[in-house]
Amino acid sequence: KKKKKFVASYLDHWVNYLERFTWHGPEVLPDEIWVGDKDAEILAEKTFKSSSVQLVNNPYWIDFKREYQSIINNKKCENGIRLLYLSTNIDGIRKKRKTVNYTDNDIWQIFSNNLFKVIDKNNLKQISIRKHPSEKKSKFKNYKLDNILVLIDKNEHLIDSFKDHTHVIGHNSMALVLSQLCGLETINIWKSLTNNSLIPRKYIDYYL
């Protein structure tokens, strides 16, 4: 901006729009805001009155979906539900933001108490926990659900975790959007925790 260059910023979420441009000090806005869907476009136009908002296909979403399809087409389908649980390390966020008044254990309790309202227990074969990179495996040693096998997902890349599962569940995670784009069933946990779901309804199959 100081060199009078044209600047565009891509927003690939639906929250904290203005805060993203004041994070390191005074507000500095780009000349154009790029967004990936209609929901983001509406929100951006309300938030940024002086910047042009453009709807631009999200290249990361396109590439991710294409790569997933190339992997899954060569994988033999198995019967039963295999559920991927996404941890977001809310406990770590609580240390920095005092306004967050719930824990990762609270999220798990909502999950375990309500899961079988949206999926068939008899058809659930496995639950895998994909821990946040900042978490240790030991954090989940007591995470159990009836007699369902609960494992720690060992895949480094998210796309490899997806190929081994049929359903993905998490708390307001952007990975839910990617799983929906790949054709997996998505479940968002947010009721009784926050005021609303941060992910647009079109990307979510079920809410807990």
N, C-alpha and C. Protein backbone atom coordinates (compact mmCIF):
# COMPACT_ATOMS: atom_id res chain seq x y z
N LYS A 1 0.83 -1.20 0.00
CA LYS A 1 0.00 0.00 0.00
C LYS A 1 0.87 1.25 0.00
N LYS A 2 1.98 1.23 0.74
CA LYS A 2 2.87 2.39 0.78
C LYS A 2 3.49 2.67 -0.58
N LYS A 3 3.71 1.63 -1.36
CA LYS A 3 4.31 1.76 -2.69
C LYS A 3 3.25 1.97 -3.78
N LYS A 4 2.01 2.20 -3.35
CA LYS A 4 0.91 2.46 -4.28
C LYS A 4 0.60 1.25 -5.18
N LYS A 5 0.88 0.06 -4.66
CA LYS A 5 0.56 -1.15 -5.41
C LYS A 5 -0.90 -1.54 -5.17
N PHE A 6 -1.51 -2.14 -6.19
CA PHE A 6 -2.86 -2.65 -6.03
C PHE A 6 -2.83 -3.88 -5.13
N VAL A 7 -3.69 -3.91 -4.12
CA VAL A 7 -3.67 -4.99 -3.13
C VAL A 7 -5.05 -5.65 -3.04
N ALA A 8 -5.05 -6.99 -3.11
CA ALA A 8 -6.27 -7.77 -2.90
C ALA A 8 -6.03 -8.77 -1.78
N SER A 9 -7.03 -8.99 -0.95
CA SER A 9 -6.94 -9.96 0.13
C SER A 9 -8.05 -11.00 -0.01
N TYR A 10 -7.68 -12.28 0.15
CA TYR A 10 -8.67 -13.35 0.04
C TYR A 10 -9.11 -13.78 1.43
N LEU A 11 -10.41 -13.73 1.69
CA LEU A 11 -10.98 -14.16 2.97
C LEU A 11 -11.68 -15.50 2.76
N ASP A 12 -11.19 -16.54 3.42
CA ASP A 12 -11.74 -17.87 3.21
C ASP A 12 -12.50 -18.39 4.43
N HIS A 13 -13.06 -17.47 5.22
CA HIS A 13 -13.88 -17.85 6.37
C HIS A 13 -15.03 -16.85 6.46
N TRP A 14 -15.80 -16.92 7.56
CA TRP A 14 -16.97 -16.06 7.68
C TRP A 14 -17.00 -15.31 9.00
N VAL A 15 -15.85 -15.20 9.66
CA VAL A 15 -15.79 -14.52 10.96
C VAL A 15 -14.58 -13.60 11.03
N ASN A 16 -14.65 -12.62 11.95
CA ASN A 16 -13.53 -11.74 12.27
C ASN A 16 -12.97 -11.02 11.06
N TYR A 17 -13.84 -10.57 10.17
CA TYR A 17 -13.36 -9.92 8.95
C TYR A 17 -12.55 -8.66 9.23
N LEU A 18 -13.14 -7.74 9.96
CA LEU A 18 -12.45 -6.47 10.19
C LEU A 18 -11.20 -6.67 11.04
N GLU A 19 -11.27 -7.60 12.01
CA GLU A 19 -10.14 -7.84 12.90
C GLU A 19 -8.90 -8.31 12.16
N ARG A 20 -9.08 -8.94 11.01
CA ARG A 20 -7.94 -9.45 10.25
C ARG A 20 -7.06 -8.33 9.71
N PHE A 21 -7.63 -7.12 9.63
CA PHE A 21 -6.87 -6.00 9.07
C PHE A 21 -6.46 -4.98 10.14
N THR A 22 -6.65 -5.35 11.41
CA THR A 22 -6.19 -4.49 12.51
C THR A 22 -5.32 -5.28 13.48
N TRP A 23 -4.95 -6.50 13.10
CA TRP A 23 -4.25 -7.42 14.00
C TRP A 23 -2.91 -6.87 14.48
N HIS A 24 -2.19 -6.20 13.59
CA HIS A 24 -0.85 -5.73 13.94
C HIS A 24 -0.79 -4.20 14.13
N GLY A 25 -1.92 -3.59 14.33
CA GLY A 25 -1.89 -2.15 14.57
C GLY A 25 -3.05 -1.43 13.90
N PRO A 26 -2.79 -0.26 13.33
CA PRO A 26 -3.85 0.54 12.68
C PRO A 26 -4.49 -0.21 11.52
N GLU A 27 -5.72 0.12 11.25
CA GLU A 27 -6.46 -0.53 10.17
C GLU A 27 -5.82 -0.22 8.81
N VAL A 28 -5.53 -1.27 8.05
CA VAL A 28 -5.03 -1.13 6.69
C VAL A 28 -5.86 -2.07 5.81
N LEU A 29 -6.66 -1.49 4.93
CA LEU A 29 -7.56 -2.28 4.09
C LEU A 29 -7.01 -2.40 2.67
N PRO A 30 -7.27 -3.53 2.01
CA PRO A 30 -6.84 -3.71 0.62
C PRO A 30 -7.75 -2.94 -0.33
N ASP A 31 -7.38 -2.91 -1.58
CA ASP A 31 -8.23 -2.27 -2.60
C ASP A 31 -9.42 -3.16 -2.95
N GLU A 32 -9.19 -4.48 -2.91
CA GLU A 32 -10.26 -5.43 -3.19
C GLU A 32 -10.28 -6.54 -2.15
N ILE A 33 -11.47 -7.00 -1.81
CA ILE A 33 -11.66 -8.16 -0.96
C ILE A 33 -12.17 -9.29 -1.85
N TRP A 34 -11.49 -10.44 -1.81
CA TRP A 34 -11.94 -11.61 -2.57
C TRP A 34 -12.53 -12.63 -1.61
N VAL A 35 -13.66 -13.21 -1.99
CA VAL A 35 -14.33 -14.22 -1.17
C VAL A 35 -14.75 -15.39 -2.04
N GLY A 36 -15.03 -16.55 -1.38
CA GLY A 36 -15.26 -17.76 -2.13
C GLY A 36 -16.69 -18.20 -2.31
N ASP A 37 -17.64 -17.58 -1.58
CA ASP A 37 -19.04 -17.97 -1.76
C ASP A 37 -19.97 -16.79 -1.47
N LYS A 38 -21.25 -16.99 -1.71
CA LYS A 38 -22.23 -15.91 -1.60
C LYS A 38 -22.38 -15.42 -0.17
N ASP A 39 -22.33 -16.34 0.79
CA ASP A 39 -22.45 -15.95 2.20
C ASP A 39 -21.34 -14.98 2.60
N ALA A 40 -20.12 -15.30 2.18
CA ALA A 40 -18.97 -14.44 2.48
C ALA A 40 -19.08 -13.11 1.75
N GLU A 41 -19.62 -13.14 0.54
CA GLU A 41 -19.77 -11.91 -0.24
C GLU A 41 -20.73 -10.94 0.45
N ILE A 42 -21.84 -11.45 0.93
CA ILE A 42 -22.82 -10.61 1.62
C ILE A 42 -22.22 -10.01 2.89
N LEU A 43 -21.52 -10.85 3.66
CA LEU A 43 -20.90 -10.39 4.90
C LEU A 43 -19.82 -9.35 4.62
N ALA A 44 -19.01 -9.59 3.60
CA ALA A 44 -17.92 -8.67 3.28
C ALA A 44 -18.45 -7.31 2.81
N GLU A 45 -19.50 -7.32 2.02
CA GLU A 45 -20.08 -6.07 1.54
C GLU A 45 -20.65 -5.24 2.69
N LYS A 46 -21.15 -5.89 3.72
CA LYS A 46 -21.66 -5.17 4.89
C LYS A 46 -20.53 -4.63 5.75
N THR A 47 -19.40 -5.35 5.76
CA THR A 47 -18.28 -4.99 6.63
C THR A 47 -17.38 -3.93 6.02
N PHE A 48 -17.11 -4.07 4.71
CA PHE A 48 -16.15 -3.18 4.05
C PHE A 48 -16.87 -2.28 3.06
N LYS A 49 -17.16 -1.08 3.48
CA LYS A 49 -17.90 -0.14 2.63
C LYS A 49 -17.02 0.52 1.57
N SER A 50 -15.73 0.65 1.86
CA SER A 50 -14.85 1.39 0.95
C SER A 50 -14.03 0.49 0.03
N SER A 51 -14.13 -0.81 0.19
CA SER A 51 -13.37 -1.74 -0.64
C SER A 51 -14.30 -2.51 -1.57
N SER A 52 -13.84 -2.77 -2.78
CA SER A 52 -14.60 -3.57 -3.73
C SER A 52 -14.54 -5.04 -3.31
N VAL A 53 -15.69 -5.72 -3.36
CA VAL A 53 -15.76 -7.14 -2.99
C VAL A 53 -16.00 -7.96 -4.26
N GLN A 54 -15.15 -8.96 -4.47
CA GLN A 54 -15.25 -9.80 -5.67
C GLN A 54 -15.42 -11.27 -5.27
N LEU A 55 -16.34 -11.95 -5.96
CA LEU A 55 -16.55 -13.38 -5.74
C LEU A 55 -15.59 -14.15 -6.66
N VAL A 56 -14.64 -14.86 -6.05
CA VAL A 56 -13.59 -15.58 -6.79
C VAL A 56 -13.53 -17.02 -6.29
N ASN A 57 -13.61 -17.98 -7.19
CA ASN A 57 -13.55 -19.38 -6.78
C ASN A 57 -12.30 -19.65 -5.94
N ASN A 58 -12.50 -20.36 -4.84
CA ASN A 58 -11.40 -20.64 -3.92
C ASN A 58 -10.48 -21.70 -4.51
N PRO A 59 -9.25 -21.35 -4.89
CA PRO A 59 -8.35 -22.31 -5.54
C PRO A 59 -7.96 -23.47 -4.63
N TYR A 60 -7.85 -23.19 -3.33
CA TYR A 60 -7.49 -24.27 -2.39
C TYR A 60 -8.61 -25.31 -2.33
N TRP A 61 -9.86 -24.85 -2.27
CA TRP A 61 -10.99 -25.77 -2.25
C TRP A 61 -11.00 -26.63 -3.52
N ILE A 62 -10.78 -26.00 -4.66
CA ILE A 62 -10.81 -26.71 -5.94
C ILE A 62 -9.72 -27.77 -5.99
N ASP A 63 -8.50 -27.41 -5.61
CA ASP A 63 -7.38 -28.35 -5.64
C ASP A 63 -7.58 -29.49 -4.64
N PHE A 64 -8.09 -29.16 -3.45
CA PHE A 64 -8.30 -30.17 -2.42
C PHE A 64 -9.31 -31.21 -2.89
N LYS A 65 -10.42 -30.75 -3.44
CA LYS A 65 -11.46 -31.65 -3.91
C LYS A 65 -10.94 -32.52 -5.05
N ARG A 66 -10.19 -31.94 -5.97
CA ARG A 66 -9.64 -32.69 -7.10
C ARG A 66 -8.69 -33.79 -6.62
N GLU A 67 -7.82 -33.43 -5.67
CA GLU A 67 -6.87 -34.42 -5.15
C GLU A 67 -7.58 -35.53 -4.40
N TYR A 68 -8.60 -35.16 -3.63
CA TYR A 68 -9.36 -36.17 -2.88
C TYR A 68 -10.03 -37.16 -3.83
N GLN A 69 -10.63 -36.65 -4.89
CA GLN A 69 -11.30 -37.51 -5.85
C GLN A 69 -10.32 -38.47 -6.52
N SER A 70 -9.11 -38.01 -6.79
CA SER A 70 -8.10 -38.88 -7.41
C SER A 70 -7.68 -39.99 -6.47
N ILE A 71 -7.71 -39.73 -5.16
CA ILE A 71 -7.34 -40.74 -4.17
C ILE A 71 -8.47 -41.72 -3.95
N ILE A 72 -9.68 -41.21 -3.75
CA ILE A 72 -10.81 -42.05 -3.38
C ILE A 72 -11.25 -42.96 -4.52
N ASN A 73 -11.02 -42.55 -5.75
CA ASN A 73 -11.42 -43.37 -6.89
C ASN A 73 -10.65 -44.69 -6.95
N ASN A 74 -9.50 -44.73 -6.30
CA ASN A 74 -8.69 -45.94 -6.30
C ASN A 74 -8.79 -46.72 -4.99
N LYS A 75 -9.73 -46.32 -4.12
CA LYS A 75 -9.87 -46.96 -2.82
C LYS A 75 -11.13 -47.81 -2.77
N LYS A 76 -11.01 -49.02 -2.28
CA LYS A 76 -12.14 -49.92 -2.16
C LYS A 76 -13.09 -49.44 -1.06
N CYS A 77 -14.37 -49.36 -1.36
CA CYS A 77 -15.36 -48.89 -0.39
C CYS A 77 -15.63 -49.97 0.65
N GLU A 78 -15.81 -49.55 1.90
CA GLU A 78 -16.12 -50.47 2.98
C GLU A 78 -17.47 -50.09 3.57
N ASN A 79 -18.15 -51.09 4.15
CA ASN A 79 -19.44 -50.85 4.76
C ASN A 79 -19.27 -50.26 6.15
N GLY A 80 -20.29 -49.53 6.61
CA GLY A 80 -20.28 -48.99 7.96
C GLY A 80 -19.80 -47.56 8.02
N ILE A 81 -20.07 -46.92 9.15
CA ILE A 81 -19.70 -45.53 9.38
C ILE A 81 -18.35 -45.47 10.09
N ARG A 82 -17.44 -44.72 9.53
CA ARG A 82 -16.14 -44.47 10.16
C ARG A 82 -16.05 -42.96 10.37
N LEU A 83 -16.03 -42.56 11.62
CA LEU A 83 -16.19 -41.15 11.99
C LEU A 83 -14.86 -40.52 12.36
N LEU A 84 -14.57 -39.37 11.75
CA LEU A 84 -13.37 -38.60 12.08
C LEU A 84 -13.75 -37.43 12.97
N TYR A 85 -13.20 -37.40 14.17
CA TYR A 85 -13.46 -36.33 15.15
C TYR A 85 -12.31 -35.33 15.12
N LEU A 86 -12.64 -34.07 14.83
CA LEU A 86 -11.62 -33.03 14.72
C LEU A 86 -11.50 -32.25 16.03
N SER A 87 -10.33 -32.28 16.62
CA SER A 87 -10.11 -31.48 17.82
C SER A 87 -9.60 -30.09 17.42
N THR A 88 -10.06 -29.06 18.11
CA THR A 88 -9.66 -27.69 17.77
C THR A 88 -8.80 -27.03 18.86
N ASN A 89 -8.49 -27.78 19.91
CA ASN A 89 -7.71 -27.27 21.04
C ASN A 89 -8.30 -25.98 21.61
N ILE A 90 -9.56 -26.05 21.98
CA ILE A 90 -10.20 -24.93 22.65
C ILE A 90 -9.50 -24.61 23.96
N ASP A 91 -8.94 -25.63 24.61
CA ASP A 91 -8.22 -25.41 25.87
C ASP A 91 -7.07 -24.43 25.68
N GLY A 92 -6.39 -24.54 24.54
CA GLY A 92 -5.30 -23.62 24.25
C GLY A 92 -5.80 -22.21 23.98
N ILE A 93 -6.95 -22.09 23.30
CA ILE A 93 -7.53 -20.78 23.01
C ILE A 93 -7.98 -20.10 24.30
N ARG A 94 -8.51 -20.88 25.25
CA ARG A 94 -8.99 -20.34 26.53
C ARG A 94 -7.89 -19.61 27.29
N LYS A 95 -6.66 -20.05 27.11
CA LYS A 95 -5.55 -19.42 27.82
C LYS A 95 -5.27 -18.00 27.32
N LYS A 96 -5.66 -17.74 26.05
CA LYS A 96 -5.40 -16.45 25.45
C LYS A 96 -6.64 -15.56 25.41
N ARG A 97 -7.82 -16.20 25.38
CA ARG A 97 -9.07 -15.44 25.27
C ARG A 97 -9.99 -15.83 26.42
N LYS A 98 -10.07 -14.96 27.39
CA LYS A 98 -10.85 -15.24 28.61
C LYS A 98 -12.34 -15.31 28.34
N THR A 99 -12.78 -14.84 27.17
CA THR A 99 -14.21 -14.85 26.87
C THR A 99 -14.71 -16.25 26.50
N VAL A 100 -13.79 -17.17 26.19
CA VAL A 100 -14.17 -18.55 25.87
C VAL A 100 -14.41 -19.29 27.18
N ASN A 101 -15.64 -19.74 27.41
CA ASN A 101 -16.00 -20.32 28.70
C ASN A 101 -16.35 -21.80 28.63
N TYR A 102 -15.82 -22.50 27.63
CA TYR A 102 -16.03 -23.95 27.54
C TYR A 102 -14.73 -24.62 27.16
N THR A 103 -14.67 -25.94 27.30
CA THR A 103 -13.44 -26.68 27.12
C THR A 103 -13.59 -27.76 26.04
N ASP A 104 -12.48 -28.38 25.70
CA ASP A 104 -12.52 -29.49 24.75
C ASP A 104 -13.31 -30.66 25.33
N ASN A 105 -13.25 -30.83 26.64
CA ASN A 105 -14.03 -31.89 27.27
C ASN A 105 -15.53 -31.61 27.16
N ASP A 106 -15.91 -30.34 27.25
CA ASP A 106 -17.32 -29.97 27.07
C ASP A 106 -17.80 -30.34 25.67
N ILE A 107 -16.96 -30.09 24.68
CA ILE A 107 -17.31 -30.42 23.29
C ILE A 107 -17.48 -31.93 23.14
N TRP A 108 -16.54 -32.69 23.75
CA TRP A 108 -16.63 -34.15 23.67
C TRP A 108 -17.89 -34.68 24.35
N GLN A 109 -18.27 -34.08 25.46
CA GLN A 109 -19.47 -34.52 26.17
C GLN A 109 -20.73 -34.30 25.34
N ILE A 110 -20.81 -33.16 24.66
CA ILE A 110 -21.95 -32.91 23.77
C ILE A 110 -21.96 -33.93 22.65
N PHE A 111 -20.78 -34.20 22.13
CA PHE A 111 -20.63 -35.20 21.07
C PHE A 111 -21.11 -36.57 21.53
N SER A 112 -20.61 -37.04 22.67
CA SER A 112 -20.93 -38.38 23.14
C SER A 112 -22.38 -38.51 23.58
N ASN A 113 -22.97 -37.44 24.08
CA ASN A 113 -24.35 -37.49 24.55
C ASN A 113 -25.38 -37.39 23.43
N ASN A 114 -24.98 -36.86 22.28
CA ASN A 114 -25.95 -36.56 21.22
C ASN A 114 -25.66 -37.21 19.87
N LEU A 115 -24.52 -37.87 19.74
CA LEU A 115 -24.12 -38.41 18.44
C LEU A 115 -25.17 -39.34 17.83
N PHE A 116 -25.74 -40.21 18.66
CA PHE A 116 -26.65 -41.22 18.12
C PHE A 116 -28.04 -40.69 17.81
N LYS A 117 -28.19 -39.39 17.95
CA LYS A 117 -29.42 -38.74 17.48
C LYS A 117 -29.37 -38.49 15.98
N VAL A 118 -28.14 -38.49 15.44
CA VAL A 118 -28.00 -38.17 14.01
C VAL A 118 -27.36 -39.30 13.19
N ILE A 119 -26.78 -40.30 13.86
CA ILE A 119 -26.26 -41.45 13.11
C ILE A 119 -26.69 -42.74 13.80
N ASP A 120 -26.66 -43.83 13.06
CA ASP A 120 -27.07 -45.14 13.55
C ASP A 120 -25.93 -45.79 14.34
N LYS A 121 -26.16 -46.01 15.63
CA LYS A 121 -25.12 -46.59 16.49
C LYS A 121 -24.69 -47.96 15.99
N ASN A 122 -25.63 -48.75 15.52
CA ASN A 122 -25.32 -50.10 15.08
C ASN A 122 -24.45 -50.13 13.83
N ASN A 123 -24.41 -49.00 13.12
CA ASN A 123 -23.64 -48.93 11.89
C ASN A 123 -22.30 -48.25 12.08
N LEU A 124 -22.04 -47.75 13.30
CA LEU A 124 -20.79 -47.04 13.59
C LEU A 124 -19.69 -48.05 13.91
N LYS A 125 -18.67 -48.09 13.08
CA LYS A 125 -17.60 -49.07 13.23
C LYS A 125 -16.38 -48.53 13.97
N GLN A 126 -16.12 -47.24 13.83
CA GLN A 126 -14.89 -46.70 14.41
C GLN A 126 -14.96 -45.19 14.54
N ILE A 127 -14.30 -44.66 15.58
CA ILE A 127 -14.13 -43.22 15.76
C ILE A 127 -12.63 -42.92 15.80
N SER A 128 -12.19 -42.00 14.97
CA SER A 128 -10.79 -41.59 14.99
C SER A 128 -10.71 -40.13 15.41
N ILE A 129 -9.79 -39.81 16.28
CA ILE A 129 -9.59 -38.43 16.73
C ILE A 129 -8.38 -37.85 16.00
N ARG A 130 -8.61 -36.79 15.25
CA ARG A 130 -7.50 -36.06 14.63
C ARG A 130 -7.17 -34.89 15.55
N LYS A 131 -6.10 -35.04 16.30
CA LYS A 131 -5.73 -34.02 17.27
C LYS A 131 -5.19 -32.78 16.57
N HIS A 132 -5.36 -31.64 17.24
CA HIS A 132 -4.77 -30.39 16.76
C HIS A 132 -3.25 -30.52 16.86
N PRO A 133 -2.49 -29.92 15.94
CA PRO A 133 -1.02 -30.03 15.98
C PRO A 133 -0.40 -29.60 17.30
N SER A 134 -1.08 -28.73 18.04
CA SER A 134 -0.54 -28.23 19.30
C SER A 134 -0.87 -29.13 20.49
N GLU A 135 -1.58 -30.23 20.25
CA GLU A 135 -2.00 -31.11 21.34
C GLU A 135 -1.16 -32.38 21.39
N LYS A 136 -1.10 -32.99 22.58
CA LYS A 136 -0.41 -34.26 22.77
C LYS A 136 -1.42 -35.39 22.78
N LYS A 137 -0.98 -36.57 22.37
CA LYS A 137 -1.87 -37.73 22.33
C LYS A 137 -2.43 -38.07 23.71
N SER A 138 -1.65 -37.84 24.74
CA SER A 138 -2.07 -38.20 26.10
C SER A 138 -3.34 -37.47 26.54
N LYS A 139 -3.64 -36.35 25.90
CA LYS A 139 -4.83 -35.58 26.24
C LYS A 139 -6.10 -36.40 26.02
N PHE A 140 -6.04 -37.35 25.10
CA PHE A 140 -7.24 -38.07 24.70
C PHE A 140 -7.30 -39.50 25.24
N LYS A 141 -6.46 -39.83 26.20
CA LYS A 141 -6.39 -41.21 26.67
C LYS A 141 -7.68 -41.67 27.36
N ASN A 142 -8.47 -40.73 27.88
CA ASN A 142 -9.71 -41.11 28.55
C ASN A 142 -10.95 -40.84 27.70
N TYR A 143 -10.75 -40.53 26.44
CA TYR A 143 -11.88 -40.28 25.55
C TYR A 143 -12.44 -41.63 25.07
N LYS A 144 -13.64 -41.95 25.53
CA LYS A 144 -14.27 -43.21 25.19
C LYS A 144 -15.75 -42.98 24.87
N LEU A 145 -16.32 -43.89 24.11
CA LEU A 145 -17.74 -43.79 23.79
C LEU A 145 -18.34 -45.20 23.73
N ASP A 146 -19.03 -45.57 24.81
CA ASP A 146 -19.63 -46.90 24.92
C ASP A 146 -18.59 -47.96 24.58
N ASN A 147 -18.94 -48.87 23.68
CA ASN A 147 -18.00 -49.93 23.29
C ASN A 147 -17.43 -49.71 21.89
N ILE A 148 -17.55 -48.46 21.42
CA ILE A 148 -17.03 -48.12 20.09
C ILE A 148 -15.52 -47.88 20.16
N LEU A 149 -14.80 -48.44 19.25
CA LEU A 149 -13.36 -48.28 19.20
C LEU A 149 -12.99 -46.83 18.90
N VAL A 150 -12.15 -46.22 19.76
CA VAL A 150 -11.70 -44.85 19.57
C VAL A 150 -10.18 -44.86 19.39
N LEU A 151 -9.72 -44.38 18.24
CA LEU A 151 -8.30 -44.36 17.91
C LEU A 151 -7.82 -42.94 17.66
N ILE A 152 -6.52 -42.75 17.71
CA ILE A 152 -5.91 -41.47 17.33
C ILE A 152 -5.51 -41.57 15.86
N ASP A 153 -6.01 -40.66 15.06
CA ASP A 153 -5.67 -40.63 13.64
C ASP A 153 -4.20 -40.23 13.49
N LYS A 154 -3.45 -41.03 12.75
CA LYS A 154 -2.01 -40.81 12.62
C LYS A 154 -1.62 -40.15 11.31
N ASN A 155 -2.58 -39.85 10.46
CA ASN A 155 -2.26 -39.23 9.19
C ASN A 155 -1.74 -37.81 9.37
N GLU A 156 -0.72 -37.47 8.63
CA GLU A 156 -0.16 -36.11 8.72
C GLU A 156 -1.04 -35.12 7.97
N HIS A 157 -1.53 -35.52 6.80
CA HIS A 157 -2.30 -34.61 5.96
C HIS A 157 -3.80 -34.87 6.10
N LEU A 158 -4.56 -33.81 6.13
CA LEU A 158 -6.01 -33.91 6.31
C LEU A 158 -6.66 -34.76 5.23
N ILE A 159 -6.20 -34.62 4.01
CA ILE A 159 -6.82 -35.35 2.91
C ILE A 159 -6.66 -36.86 3.08
N ASP A 160 -5.58 -37.30 3.72
CA ASP A 160 -5.39 -38.72 3.99
C ASP A 160 -6.31 -39.19 5.11
N SER A 161 -6.62 -38.30 6.04
CA SER A 161 -7.59 -38.64 7.08
C SER A 161 -8.98 -38.81 6.49
N PHE A 162 -9.32 -37.95 5.56
CA PHE A 162 -10.64 -38.02 4.93
C PHE A 162 -10.87 -39.35 4.21
N LYS A 163 -9.87 -39.85 3.52
CA LYS A 163 -10.07 -41.04 2.69
C LYS A 163 -10.39 -42.28 3.51
N ASP A 164 -10.08 -42.26 4.79
CA ASP A 164 -10.33 -43.41 5.65
C ASP A 164 -11.64 -43.31 6.41
N HIS A 165 -12.44 -42.27 6.14
CA HIS A 165 -13.65 -42.03 6.92
C HIS A 165 -14.84 -41.67 6.03
N THR A 166 -16.03 -41.83 6.61
CA THR A 166 -17.27 -41.52 5.90
C THR A 166 -17.95 -40.28 6.46
N HIS A 167 -17.70 -39.97 7.73
CA HIS A 167 -18.31 -38.83 8.42
C HIS A 167 -17.22 -38.02 9.12
N VAL A 168 -17.41 -36.71 9.19
CA VAL A 168 -16.47 -35.82 9.86
C VAL A 168 -17.25 -34.93 10.82
N ILE A 169 -16.76 -34.82 12.05
CA ILE A 169 -17.43 -34.00 13.06
C ILE A 169 -16.42 -33.11 13.76
N GLY A 170 -16.82 -31.88 14.09
CA GLY A 170 -15.93 -30.96 14.77
C GLY A 170 -16.69 -29.74 15.26
N HIS A 171 -15.95 -28.82 15.86
CA HIS A 171 -16.54 -27.60 16.40
C HIS A 171 -16.12 -26.39 15.57
N ASN A 172 -17.01 -25.94 14.67
CA ASN A 172 -16.77 -24.76 13.85
C ASN A 172 -15.43 -24.79 13.11
N SER A 173 -15.06 -25.98 12.64
CA SER A 173 -13.77 -26.14 11.96
C SER A 173 -13.92 -25.97 10.45
N MET A 174 -12.94 -25.29 9.84
CA MET A 174 -12.95 -25.14 8.38
C MET A 174 -12.79 -26.49 7.68
N ALA A 175 -12.25 -27.47 8.38
CA ALA A 175 -12.12 -28.80 7.80
C ALA A 175 -13.49 -29.41 7.51
N LEU A 176 -14.53 -28.96 8.21
CA LEU A 176 -15.89 -29.43 7.92
C LEU A 176 -16.32 -28.99 6.52
N VAL A 177 -15.93 -27.80 6.14
CA VAL A 177 -16.26 -27.30 4.80
C VAL A 177 -15.57 -28.16 3.75
N LEU A 178 -14.30 -28.47 3.97
CA LEU A 178 -13.57 -29.29 3.02
C LEU A 178 -14.17 -30.69 2.93
N SER A 179 -14.60 -31.24 4.06
CA SER A 179 -15.19 -32.58 4.05
C SER A 179 -16.50 -32.59 3.28
N GLN A 180 -17.29 -31.52 3.42
CA GLN A 180 -18.54 -31.42 2.67
C GLN A 180 -18.27 -31.32 1.17
N LEU A 181 -17.28 -30.55 0.79
CA LEU A 181 -16.92 -30.42 -0.62
C LEU A 181 -16.47 -31.76 -1.20
N CYS A 182 -15.92 -32.62 -0.35
CA CYS A 182 -15.46 -33.94 -0.80
C CYS A 182 -16.56 -34.99 -0.76
N GLY A 183 -17.76 -34.60 -0.31
CA GLY A 183 -18.88 -35.52 -0.31
C GLY A 183 -19.04 -36.33 0.96
N LEU A 184 -18.33 -35.99 2.02
CA LEU A 184 -18.47 -36.69 3.29
C LEU A 184 -19.59 -36.06 4.12
N GLU A 185 -20.20 -36.85 5.00
CA GLU A 185 -21.23 -36.32 5.89
C GLU A 185 -20.55 -35.45 6.95
N THR A 186 -21.10 -34.26 7.21
CA THR A 186 -20.47 -33.34 8.17
C THR A 186 -21.41 -33.03 9.32
N ILE A 187 -20.83 -32.94 10.52
CA ILE A 187 -21.59 -32.65 11.74
C ILE A 187 -20.85 -31.56 12.50
N ASN A 188 -21.53 -30.47 12.83
CA ASN A 188 -20.93 -29.36 13.56
C ASN A 188 -21.46 -29.34 14.99
N ILE A 189 -20.55 -29.30 15.96
CA ILE A 189 -20.90 -29.23 17.38
C ILE A 189 -20.81 -27.78 17.83
N TRP A 190 -21.93 -27.16 18.18
CA TRP A 190 -21.86 -25.78 18.67
C TRP A 190 -22.99 -25.43 19.64
N LYS A 191 -24.09 -26.15 19.58
CA LYS A 191 -25.24 -25.80 20.42
C LYS A 191 -24.85 -25.86 21.90
N SER A 192 -25.31 -24.87 22.65
CA SER A 192 -25.04 -24.66 24.08
C SER A 192 -23.61 -24.21 24.36
N LEU A 193 -22.79 -24.06 23.30
CA LEU A 193 -21.41 -23.59 23.47
C LEU A 193 -21.26 -22.15 23.01
N THR A 194 -21.76 -21.85 21.82
CA THR A 194 -21.66 -20.51 21.25
C THR A 194 -23.03 -20.05 20.78
N ASN A 195 -23.12 -18.79 20.40
CA ASN A 195 -24.41 -18.23 19.99
C ASN A 195 -24.91 -18.80 18.67
N ASN A 196 -23.99 -19.15 17.79
CA ASN A 196 -24.40 -19.70 16.49
C ASN A 196 -23.27 -20.48 15.85
N SER A 197 -23.62 -21.19 14.78
CA SER A 197 -22.63 -21.91 14.00
C SER A 197 -21.87 -20.91 13.14
N LEU A 198 -20.55 -21.00 13.12
CA LEU A 198 -19.73 -20.09 12.31
C LEU A 198 -19.61 -20.56 10.87
N ILE A 199 -20.10 -21.77 10.60
CA ILE A 199 -20.04 -22.34 9.26
C ILE A 199 -21.43 -22.25 8.62
N PRO A 200 -21.56 -21.71 7.42
CA PRO A 200 -22.87 -21.62 6.75
C PRO A 200 -23.55 -22.98 6.65
N ARG A 201 -24.87 -22.96 6.74
CA ARG A 201 -25.68 -24.18 6.80
C ARG A 201 -25.45 -25.11 5.61
N LYS A 202 -25.16 -24.57 4.45
CA LYS A 202 -25.03 -25.40 3.25
C LYS A 202 -23.84 -26.36 3.32
N TYR A 203 -22.90 -26.10 4.24
CA TYR A 203 -21.74 -26.97 4.37
C TYR A 203 -21.89 -28.01 5.47
N ILE A 204 -23.02 -28.00 6.18
CA ILE A 204 -23.22 -28.87 7.32
C ILE A 204 -24.45 -29.74 7.12
N ASP A 205 -24.33 -31.03 7.42
CA ASP A 205 -25.47 -31.95 7.31
C ASP A 205 -26.26 -32.01 8.62
N TYR A 206 -25.55 -32.01 9.74
CA TYR A 206 -26.21 -32.14 11.05
C TYR A 206 -25.55 -31.22 12.07
N TYR A 207 -26.35 -30.79 13.04
CA TYR A 207 -25.82 -30.00 14.17
C TYR A 207 -26.03 -30.75 15.48
N LEU A 208 -25.07 -30.62 16.37
CA LEU A 208 -25.18 -31.11 17.74
C LEU A 208 -25.03 -29.93 18.69
